[in-house]
Every structure is written in structure tokens, then in C-alpha cells.
Protein backbone atom coordinates (compact mmCIF):
# COMPACT_ATOMS: atom_id res chain seq x y z
CA MET A 1 59.49 136.94 -162.03
CA GLN A 2 62.42 139.02 -160.86
CA GLU A 3 63.60 138.51 -157.27
CA HIS A 4 61.89 141.66 -155.96
CA ASP A 5 58.55 140.64 -157.47
CA LEU A 6 58.91 137.11 -156.07
CA ARG A 7 59.51 138.55 -152.60
CA LEU A 8 56.36 140.64 -152.87
CA ALA A 9 54.39 137.62 -154.10
CA ILE A 10 55.59 135.44 -151.21
CA VAL A 11 54.51 138.04 -148.67
CA ALA A 12 51.10 138.46 -150.33
CA HIS A 13 50.44 134.72 -150.54
CA ALA A 14 51.68 134.14 -146.98
CA ARG A 15 49.27 136.74 -145.64
CA ALA A 16 46.43 135.10 -147.58
CA LEU A 17 46.87 131.72 -145.86
CA ASN A 18 45.44 132.58 -142.45
CA GLY A 19 42.54 134.51 -143.96
CA LEU A 20 41.64 131.47 -146.05
CA GLY A 21 41.47 129.34 -142.92
CA ILE A 22 44.20 126.93 -143.99
CA ASN A 23 46.89 127.99 -141.54
CA GLN A 24 47.22 129.34 -138.01
CA GLY A 25 49.65 131.65 -136.25
CA THR A 26 53.29 131.27 -137.24
CA SER A 27 52.99 127.68 -138.48
CA GLY A 28 53.46 126.87 -142.16
CA ASN A 29 55.90 128.28 -144.71
CA LEU A 30 56.19 129.23 -148.38
CA SER A 31 58.98 129.20 -150.95
CA ALA A 32 59.55 130.04 -154.59
CA ARG A 33 62.29 129.13 -157.03
CA CYS A 34 64.54 132.10 -157.82
CA GLY A 35 67.15 131.16 -160.41
CA ALA A 36 69.68 128.87 -158.74
CA ALA A 37 68.25 129.55 -155.27
CA ILE A 38 64.99 129.55 -153.36
CA LEU A 39 63.27 132.37 -151.52
CA ILE A 40 61.61 131.16 -148.32
CA THR A 41 59.69 132.71 -145.44
CA PRO A 42 61.64 133.31 -142.20
CA SER A 43 61.33 131.13 -139.12
CA GLY A 44 58.75 131.79 -136.42
CA MET A 45 57.33 135.09 -137.67
CA ALA A 46 53.68 136.07 -137.97
CA TYR A 47 52.87 136.57 -141.63
CA GLU A 48 51.40 140.00 -140.94
CA ALA A 49 54.83 141.16 -139.77
CA ILE A 50 56.84 139.78 -142.71
CA GLU A 51 58.27 142.27 -145.19
CA PRO A 52 59.88 141.43 -148.57
CA GLY A 53 63.40 142.11 -147.29
CA MET A 54 62.97 139.52 -144.54
CA ILE A 55 62.60 136.60 -146.98
CA ALA A 56 65.67 134.34 -146.78
CA LEU A 57 67.62 133.21 -149.86
CA VAL A 58 68.85 129.60 -149.83
CA PRO A 59 71.08 128.33 -152.68
CA LEU A 60 69.73 125.18 -154.30
CA ALA A 61 73.19 123.69 -154.66
CA GLY A 62 74.52 125.00 -151.37
CA GLU A 63 75.63 123.04 -148.35
CA ASP A 64 73.22 122.48 -145.50
CA GLY A 65 72.63 125.58 -143.40
CA VAL A 66 73.83 128.09 -146.01
CA TRP A 67 71.52 131.07 -146.46
CA SER A 68 71.52 134.86 -146.75
CA GLY A 69 69.22 137.52 -145.34
CA PRO A 70 68.49 139.30 -142.06
CA LEU A 71 66.45 136.41 -140.59
CA ARG A 72 66.88 132.65 -140.45
CA PRO A 73 64.86 130.71 -143.03
CA SER A 74 61.97 128.53 -141.97
CA SER A 75 62.97 125.42 -140.03
CA GLU A 76 61.53 123.46 -142.97
CA TRP A 77 63.99 124.94 -145.51
CA ARG A 78 65.36 121.45 -146.08
CA PHE A 79 62.27 119.92 -147.69
CA HIS A 80 61.61 123.08 -149.69
CA ARG A 81 65.12 122.90 -151.11
CA ASP A 82 65.03 119.15 -151.71
CA ILE A 83 61.63 119.20 -153.43
CA LEU A 84 62.79 121.95 -155.80
CA ARG A 85 65.98 120.00 -156.48
CA ALA A 86 64.01 116.87 -157.33
CA ARG A 87 61.18 118.52 -159.27
CA PRO A 88 62.14 120.92 -162.09
CA ASP A 89 58.42 121.31 -162.86
CA VAL A 90 57.81 122.92 -159.45
CA GLY A 91 58.32 126.64 -158.97
CA ALA A 92 56.65 127.17 -155.60
CA ILE A 93 55.80 125.24 -152.44
CA ILE A 94 53.30 125.86 -149.65
CA HIS A 95 53.26 124.02 -146.32
CA THR A 96 50.41 124.53 -143.85
CA HIS A 97 48.80 122.93 -140.81
CA ALA A 98 45.30 123.13 -142.32
CA PRO A 99 42.88 121.53 -139.81
CA TYR A 100 41.18 118.81 -141.87
CA ALA A 101 44.30 117.84 -143.80
CA THR A 102 46.25 117.68 -140.55
CA ALA A 103 43.54 115.60 -138.87
CA LEU A 104 43.82 112.99 -141.65
CA ALA A 105 47.62 113.15 -141.34
CA MET A 106 47.27 112.41 -137.62
CA LEU A 107 45.32 109.27 -138.58
CA ARG A 108 47.82 108.41 -141.36
CA LYS A 109 44.91 108.44 -143.83
CA PRO A 110 45.74 109.19 -147.48
CA ILE A 111 42.97 110.87 -149.46
CA PRO A 112 41.57 108.56 -152.18
CA ALA A 113 39.70 109.49 -155.36
CA ALA A 114 36.38 109.99 -153.60
CA HIS A 115 35.97 113.32 -155.47
CA TYR A 116 37.09 114.17 -158.98
CA MET A 117 39.16 117.17 -157.80
CA ILE A 118 41.81 114.66 -156.71
CA ALA A 119 42.98 114.86 -160.34
CA ALA A 120 44.28 118.40 -159.72
CA PHE A 121 47.06 116.75 -157.73
CA GLY A 122 48.25 114.45 -160.52
CA GLY A 123 46.95 111.01 -159.54
CA PRO A 124 44.34 108.89 -157.77
CA THR A 125 45.56 109.55 -154.22
CA ILE A 126 47.08 112.18 -152.00
CA ARG A 127 49.55 110.10 -150.06
CA CYS A 128 50.24 110.35 -146.33
CA THR A 129 53.81 109.88 -145.14
CA ASP A 130 55.06 108.37 -141.90
CA TYR A 131 56.03 110.76 -139.12
CA ALA A 132 59.45 112.38 -138.86
CA PRO A 133 60.51 115.34 -136.68
CA PHE A 134 60.17 118.78 -138.25
CA GLY A 135 63.21 120.26 -139.95
CA THR A 136 64.98 116.92 -140.40
CA GLN A 137 66.45 115.21 -143.44
CA GLU A 138 64.20 112.25 -142.65
CA LEU A 139 61.10 114.44 -143.06
CA SER A 140 62.50 115.93 -146.25
CA ASP A 141 63.08 112.48 -147.74
CA LEU A 142 59.55 111.42 -146.85
CA ALA A 143 58.11 114.58 -148.42
CA VAL A 144 60.04 114.15 -151.68
CA THR A 145 58.95 110.51 -151.97
CA GLY A 146 55.34 111.30 -151.07
CA LEU A 147 55.21 113.96 -153.80
CA LYS A 148 56.46 111.66 -156.56
CA ASP A 149 54.16 112.31 -159.56
CA ARG A 150 51.91 114.39 -157.29
CA HIS A 151 51.34 118.03 -156.34
CA GLY A 152 50.15 117.41 -152.79
CA VAL A 153 51.07 115.23 -149.81
CA LEU A 154 50.06 114.81 -146.16
CA LEU A 155 52.88 114.67 -143.63
CA GLY A 156 52.22 112.18 -140.84
CA SER A 157 51.12 113.94 -137.61
CA HIS A 158 52.16 117.26 -139.08
CA GLY A 159 50.33 118.96 -141.98
CA MET A 160 50.33 119.19 -145.74
CA ILE A 161 52.46 120.35 -148.67
CA THR A 162 51.27 121.54 -152.06
CA THR A 163 53.33 122.49 -155.09
CA GLY A 164 52.77 124.49 -158.25
CA ALA A 165 54.49 126.07 -161.20
CA ASP A 166 54.11 129.32 -159.27
CA LEU A 167 52.71 130.57 -155.97
CA GLU A 168 49.23 131.06 -157.41
CA GLN A 169 49.00 127.40 -158.38
CA ALA A 170 50.48 126.19 -155.09
CA LEU A 171 48.00 128.29 -153.09
CA TRP A 172 45.06 127.16 -155.23
CA ARG A 173 46.05 123.56 -154.57
CA ALA A 174 46.44 124.20 -150.83
CA VAL A 175 42.85 125.47 -150.68
CA GLU A 176 41.62 122.53 -152.76
CA LEU A 177 43.52 119.96 -150.69
CA GLU A 178 41.95 121.23 -147.48
CA ALA A 179 38.52 121.16 -149.16
CA LEU A 180 39.11 117.55 -150.25
CA ALA A 181 40.21 116.62 -146.75
CA LYS A 182 37.09 118.20 -145.25
CA MET A 183 34.74 116.50 -147.71
CA TYR A 184 36.45 113.14 -147.23
CA HIS A 185 36.13 113.50 -143.45
CA MET A 186 32.42 114.31 -143.77
CA ALA A 187 31.85 111.37 -146.12
CA LEU A 188 33.58 109.00 -143.68
CA VAL A 189 31.28 110.19 -140.90
CA LEU A 190 28.24 109.42 -143.07
CA GLY A 191 29.43 106.09 -144.45
CA THR A 192 31.88 104.61 -146.95
CA PRO A 193 32.75 106.91 -149.86
CA ALA A 194 32.65 105.53 -153.41
CA ILE A 195 36.07 105.67 -155.06
CA LEU A 196 36.58 106.64 -158.72
CA PRO A 197 38.52 104.10 -160.80
CA ASP A 198 42.14 104.86 -161.69
CA ASP A 199 41.43 105.04 -165.44
CA GLU A 200 38.81 107.74 -164.88
CA VAL A 201 41.22 109.72 -162.71
CA ALA A 202 43.90 109.42 -165.42
CA LEU A 203 41.50 111.00 -167.92
CA LEU A 204 40.70 113.77 -165.46
CA VAL A 205 44.40 114.45 -164.86
CA GLU A 206 44.77 115.17 -168.58
CA ARG A 207 41.74 117.45 -168.58
CA PHE A 208 43.09 119.41 -165.61
CA LYS A 209 46.20 120.32 -167.61
CA THR A 210 44.12 123.04 -169.30
CA TYR A 211 41.84 123.87 -166.35
CA GLY A 212 41.76 127.36 -164.86
CA VAL A 213 44.82 128.39 -162.89
CA LEU A 214 46.40 124.98 -163.59
CA GLY A 215 46.17 125.48 -167.34
CA LYS A 216 47.48 129.02 -167.66
CA PHE A 217 50.97 127.95 -168.70
CA ALA A 218 49.59 125.48 -171.24
CA GLU A 219 47.37 128.24 -172.63
CA SER A 220 50.31 130.61 -172.95
CA GLU A 221 52.06 127.95 -175.01
CA GLY A 222 49.03 127.35 -177.19
CA GLY A 223 47.81 124.27 -175.37
CA GLY A 224 44.64 125.68 -173.80
CA GLU A 225 41.06 125.12 -174.75
């Protein structure tokens, strides 16, 4: 995508978050890789009020605090930048305070393979990090580590992050992560969930590489079903 189209896509996906019930008010933030920089939502603005020209541009290789645009980038620009630095496979990031995912994060509970959709996130667990204050390098380091070989992580006493090759994938995963968190919560209320073995999850991870929105890039390269 060209920069203008990415800006439009960020605004559209940001406005979708609250309607999907996975974010509230001005919490949460989105970013997308744009060449040697990232485009990221501004700090403390309601998504309904954001326009494409308000999206901040942060250089991937820049020094801390360097950005351009009419508004300051999200206070979480640091982990967006650091995740994209560490993960060349990631093109977009979504961070929300989705209720069920955040409730598990408050309990420091990772999500195990109690449901096969865990495979959409690359492994048998969605990890939960320790707590660190928002906007800090400590939180960024925890997020990068928690996302190793994964496309989703819970941030202790904070919220969740999902990643994708593009914004569509990242948003799809954000919806699925909140659904997993809700189902896991409900299962815990009823009893002790059965956990799928790691070898079964590994097989499912491979199958998900050509599944729906996750498989569109593989299909474009001739790898789809």
C-alpha cells in the first residue's frame, strides 16, 4: 500500500474496533509498516475524530521521540516500533483493552490450547507478560519477548496486542483473541478445560497458513488450497 492508502486503512480499522466491542473510548492504538517508518494513531483521540492526516509517522531507525505529523503519536509508539524492528514478518499491530483479554491479563493468566483457534496465533499458548508502566521501554521489551514466535500476547494488568502481515490480519486476530479469552473464561467458570497437545497444535499452525484471511498471502504466491 502507498502511504495515503495506509492512512485511510488505519482510520477505517481504528473506527471498527469500538463497534466490534474489543476497545473502549480513546484506549488502544494501531500501526502499520510504511517503508522505513511506521504510521501510528495519535495519542488520546477518539477514533471517530481521527482523520488520515492526523496519523503520526515514526521512523523505524530513528532516535527515541522522533516523529512527524500534526499530533503526537500514541504513548505506546515504543512497542509498536520495537515489534516492527524485531519482526520483519509483521506489517501491522493492534493494541486494545478488550474486556475478557484484559481480565485474564489482570490475573496474569496466559491462554492455553483449550480451543483449536489458538493455532491462529502461531503456537500452543498466548503468553501473558509481567506488568510494566504504559509507554515505557520496559513494557516494550516485555511485549517483544511475549510475541516471540507468536501473533498475540496479553500485557500484564493492561490489555492485548495482535500482529499481522497487514491491518486486516491484525484486526481478525484481535477479534479472535478476545473470543478465545471469553471462551476460556467461561470454561474456567464451568470447570477445568481440556488442553490440546502441542503436536496437534503444531499441525494446526501449519493448516492455518492457508486459512482464510491468514492464508491470502500464501494463496497469492501459489501456496493456497
